[in-house]
């Protein structure tokens, strides 16, 4: 396990993470620090705990928006896929229908010839 200190809003927090994850944890902490600083500039001086809760809520909101967008895109992709499948099916049916009709007429003609004969 790796140990590192991550600075958030002027204070260092000791963090333990899996070996090899130090850079990722540092990047995440830098993002949290940036958001906390932005919020502190907007709302003014607030208690550290409250600032971290507000930062967490803002980041959770961003994450929820990302999940909502991802879900919307998945639905859109599914609808597009379904529409393409329907369009392909219709094109195939349009090509096959005349062939089936021609075969049906030939079968009817053969059946009529057999009945005469």
C-alpha atoms as a PDB file:
ATOM      1  CA  UNK A   1       0.000   0.000   0.000  1.00  0.00           C
ATOM      2  CA  UNK A   2       1.249   3.441  -0.919  1.00  0.00           C
ATOM      3  CA  UNK A   3       0.927   6.483   1.303  1.00  0.00           C
ATOM      4  CA  UNK A   4       0.787  10.070   0.152  1.00  0.00           C
ATOM      5  CA  UNK A   5      -0.346  13.464   1.366  1.00  0.00           C
ATOM      6  CA  UNK A   6      -2.904  15.268  -0.744  1.00  0.00           C
ATOM      7  CA  UNK A   7      -3.439  19.013  -0.311  1.00  0.00           C
ATOM      8  CA  UNK A   8      -7.040  20.180  -0.291  1.00  0.00           C
ATOM      9  CA  UNK A   9      -7.785  23.830   0.356  1.00  0.00           C
ATOM     10  CA  UNK A  10      -4.473  24.458   2.073  1.00  0.00           C
ATOM     11  CA  UNK A  11      -4.486  21.407   4.293  1.00  0.00           C
ATOM     12  CA  UNK A  12      -2.640  18.112   3.747  1.00  0.00           C
ATOM     13  CA  UNK A  13      -4.527  14.871   4.164  1.00  0.00           C
ATOM     14  CA  UNK A  14      -2.652  11.568   4.489  1.00  0.00           C
ATOM     15  CA  UNK A  15      -4.107   8.985   2.103  1.00  0.00           C
ATOM     16  CA  UNK A  16      -3.395   5.298   1.634  1.00  0.00           C
ATOM     17  CA  UNK A  17      -3.960   3.786  -1.804  1.00  0.00           C
ATOM     18  CA  UNK A  18      -2.977   0.743  -3.820  1.00  0.00           C
ATOM     19  CA  UNK A  19       0.548   0.732  -5.189  1.00  0.00           C
ATOM     20  CA  UNK A  20       0.613   2.354  -8.607  1.00  0.00           C
ATOM     21  CA  UNK A  21      -2.472   4.479  -7.922  1.00  0.00           C
ATOM     22  CA  UNK A  22      -0.602   7.433  -6.470  1.00  0.00           C
ATOM     23  CA  UNK A  23      -0.791   9.555  -9.635  1.00  0.00           C
ATOM     24  CA  UNK A  24      -4.509   8.911 -10.054  1.00  0.00           C
ATOM     25  CA  UNK A  25      -5.255   9.749  -6.411  1.00  0.00           C
ATOM     26  CA  UNK A  26      -3.156  12.909  -6.705  1.00  0.00           C
ATOM     27  CA  UNK A  27      -5.095  13.983  -9.835  1.00  0.00           C
ATOM     28  CA  UNK A  28      -8.413  13.344  -8.091  1.00  0.00           C
ATOM     29  CA  UNK A  29      -7.281  15.279  -5.035  1.00  0.00           C
ATOM     30  CA  UNK A  30      -6.159  18.174  -7.264  1.00  0.00           C
ATOM     31  CA  UNK A  31      -9.644  18.247  -8.801  1.00  0.00           C
ATOM     32  CA  UNK A  32     -11.259  18.265  -5.361  1.00  0.00           C
ATOM     33  CA  UNK A  33      -8.875  21.030  -4.278  1.00  0.00           C
ATOM     34  CA  UNK A  34      -9.782  23.081  -7.348  1.00  0.00           C
ATOM     35  CA  UNK A  35     -13.527  22.660  -6.778  1.00  0.00           C
ATOM     36  CA  UNK A  36     -13.173  23.439  -3.049  1.00  0.00           C
ATOM     37  CA  UNK A  37     -11.286  26.630  -3.878  1.00  0.00           C
ATOM     38  CA  UNK A  38     -13.943  27.680  -6.395  1.00  0.00           C
ATOM     39  CA  UNK A  39     -16.703  27.078  -3.854  1.00  0.00           C
ATOM     40  CA  UNK A  40     -14.804  28.933  -1.104  1.00  0.00           C
ATOM     41  CA  UNK A  41     -14.417  31.924  -3.455  1.00  0.00           C
ATOM     42  CA  UNK A  42     -18.150  31.880  -4.148  1.00  0.00           C
ATOM     43  CA  UNK A  43     -19.533  31.402  -0.638  1.00  0.00           C
ATOM     44  CA  UNK A  44     -16.745  33.009   1.362  1.00  0.00           C
ATOM     45  CA  UNK A  45     -15.028  31.606   4.404  1.00  0.00           C
ATOM     46  CA  UNK A  46     -16.821  28.551   5.793  1.00  0.00           C
ATOM     47  CA  UNK A  47     -15.833  25.783   8.175  1.00  0.00           C
ATOM     48  CA  UNK A  48     -13.605  23.127   6.640  1.00  0.00           C
ATOM     49  CA  UNK A  49     -16.120  20.329   7.171  1.00  0.00           C
ATOM     50  CA  UNK A  50     -18.898  22.314   5.573  1.00  0.00           C
ATOM     51  CA  UNK A  51     -16.675  23.248   2.635  1.00  0.00           C
ATOM     52  CA  UNK A  52     -15.804  19.597   2.046  1.00  0.00           C
ATOM     53  CA  UNK A  53     -19.470  18.577   2.258  1.00  0.00           C
ATOM     54  CA  UNK A  54     -20.431  21.306  -0.222  1.00  0.00           C
ATOM     55  CA  UNK A  55     -17.580  20.251  -2.522  1.00  0.00           C
ATOM     56  CA  UNK A  56     -18.691  16.635  -2.277  1.00  0.00           C
ATOM     57  CA  UNK A  57     -22.253  17.615  -3.164  1.00  0.00           C
ATOM     58  CA  UNK A  58     -21.114  19.638  -6.184  1.00  0.00           C
ATOM     59  CA  UNK A  59     -18.930  16.782  -7.414  1.00  0.00           C
ATOM     60  CA  UNK A  60     -21.746  14.273  -6.801  1.00  0.00           C
ATOM     61  CA  UNK A  61     -24.039  16.534  -8.844  1.00  0.00           C
ATOM     62  CA  UNK A  62     -21.498  16.602 -11.689  1.00  0.00           C
ATOM     63  CA  UNK A  63     -21.243  12.823 -11.516  1.00  0.00           C
ATOM     64  CA  UNK A  64     -25.033  12.430 -11.566  1.00  0.00           C
ATOM     65  CA  UNK A  65     -25.247  14.710 -14.614  1.00  0.00           C
ATOM     66  CA  UNK A  66     -22.596  12.576 -16.317  1.00  0.00           C
ATOM     67  CA  UNK A  67     -24.547   9.385 -15.491  1.00  0.00           C
ATOM     68  CA  UNK A  68     -27.767  10.969 -16.787  1.00  0.00           C
ATOM     69  CA  UNK A  69     -26.041  12.004 -20.015  1.00  0.00           C
ATOM     70  CA  UNK A  70     -24.525   8.549 -20.401  1.00  0.00           C
ATOM     71  CA  UNK A  71     -27.954   6.960 -19.926  1.00  0.00           C
ATOM     72  CA  UNK A  72     -29.498   9.390 -22.429  1.00  0.00           C
ATOM     73  CA  UNK A  73     -26.794   8.548 -24.972  1.00  0.00           C
ATOM     74  CA  UNK A  74     -27.282   4.820 -24.401  1.00  0.00           C
ATOM     75  CA  UNK A  75     -31.029   5.174 -25.020  1.00  0.00           C
ATOM     76  CA  UNK A  76     -30.341   7.295 -28.095  1.00  0.00           C
ATOM     77  CA  UNK A  77     -27.860   4.705 -29.396  1.00  0.00           C
ATOM     78  CA  UNK A  78     -30.356   1.892 -28.762  1.00  0.00           C
ATOM     79  CA  UNK A  79     -33.097   3.814 -30.588  1.00  0.00           C
ATOM     80  CA  UNK A  80     -30.747   4.500 -33.501  1.00  0.00           C
ATOM     81  CA  UNK A  81     -29.752   0.852 -33.590  1.00  0.00           C
ATOM     82  CA  UNK A  82     -33.409  -0.219 -33.578  1.00  0.00           C
ATOM     83  CA  UNK A  83     -34.243   2.277 -36.337  1.00  0.00           C
ATOM     84  CA  UNK A  84     -31.342   1.028 -38.460  1.00  0.00           C
ATOM     85  CA  UNK A  85     -32.417  -2.569 -37.891  1.00  0.00           C
ATOM     86  CA  UNK A  86     -36.006  -1.713 -38.901  1.00  0.00           C
ATOM     87  CA  UNK A  87     -34.781   0.166 -41.979  1.00  0.00           C
ATOM     88  CA  UNK A  88     -32.553  -2.757 -42.969  1.00  0.00           C
ATOM     89  CA  UNK A  89     -35.421  -5.201 -42.466  1.00  0.00           C
ATOM     90  CA  UNK A  90     -37.692  -3.049 -44.639  1.00  0.00           C
ATOM     91  CA  UNK A  91     -35.049  -2.838 -47.393  1.00  0.00           C
ATOM     92  CA  UNK A  92     -34.550  -6.613 -47.341  1.00  0.00           C
ATOM     93  CA  UNK A  93     -38.299  -7.203 -47.397  1.00  0.00           C
ATOM     94  CA  UNK A  94     -38.647  -4.804 -50.346  1.00  0.00           C
ATOM     95  CA  UNK A  95     -36.023  -6.781 -52.269  1.00  0.00           C
ATOM     96  CA  UNK A  96     -37.358 -10.190 -51.302  1.00  0.00           C
ATOM     97  CA  UNK A  97     -41.080  -9.485 -51.808  1.00  0.00           C
ATOM     98  CA  UNK A  98     -40.956  -9.400 -55.642  1.00  0.00           C
ATOM     99  CA  UNK A  99     -38.932 -12.622 -55.700  1.00  0.00           C
ATOM    100  CA  UNK A 100     -41.444 -14.349 -53.409  1.00  0.00           C
ATOM    101  CA  UNK A 101     -44.341 -13.061 -55.541  1.00  0.00           C
ATOM    102  CA  UNK A 102     -42.631 -14.345 -58.696  1.00  0.00           C
ATOM    103  CA  UNK A 103     -42.070 -17.751 -57.104  1.00  0.00           C
ATOM    104  CA  UNK A 104     -45.680 -17.860 -55.927  1.00  0.00           C
ATOM    105  CA  UNK A 105     -46.904 -17.135 -59.468  1.00  0.00           C
ATOM    106  CA  UNK A 106     -44.656 -19.844 -60.881  1.00  0.00           C
ATOM    107  CA  UNK A 107     -45.939 -22.335 -58.308  1.00  0.00           C
ATOM    108  CA  UNK A 108     -49.539 -21.371 -59.126  1.00  0.00           C
ATOM    109  CA  UNK A 109     -48.810 -21.813 -62.851  1.00  0.00           C
ATOM    110  CA  UNK A 110     -47.242 -25.224 -62.223  1.00  0.00           C
ATOM    111  CA  UNK A 111     -50.211 -26.221 -60.050  1.00  0.00           C
ATOM    112  CA  UNK A 112     -52.635 -25.050 -62.773  1.00  0.00           C
ATOM    113  CA  UNK A 113     -50.730 -27.017 -65.427  1.00  0.00           C
ATOM    114  CA  UNK A 114     -50.843 -30.128 -63.219  1.00  0.00           C
ATOM    115  CA  UNK A 115     -54.604 -29.760 -62.737  1.00  0.00           C
ATOM    116  CA  UNK A 116     -55.126 -29.537 -66.528  1.00  0.00           C
ATOM    117  CA  UNK A 117     -52.904 -32.392 -67.305  1.00  0.00           C
END
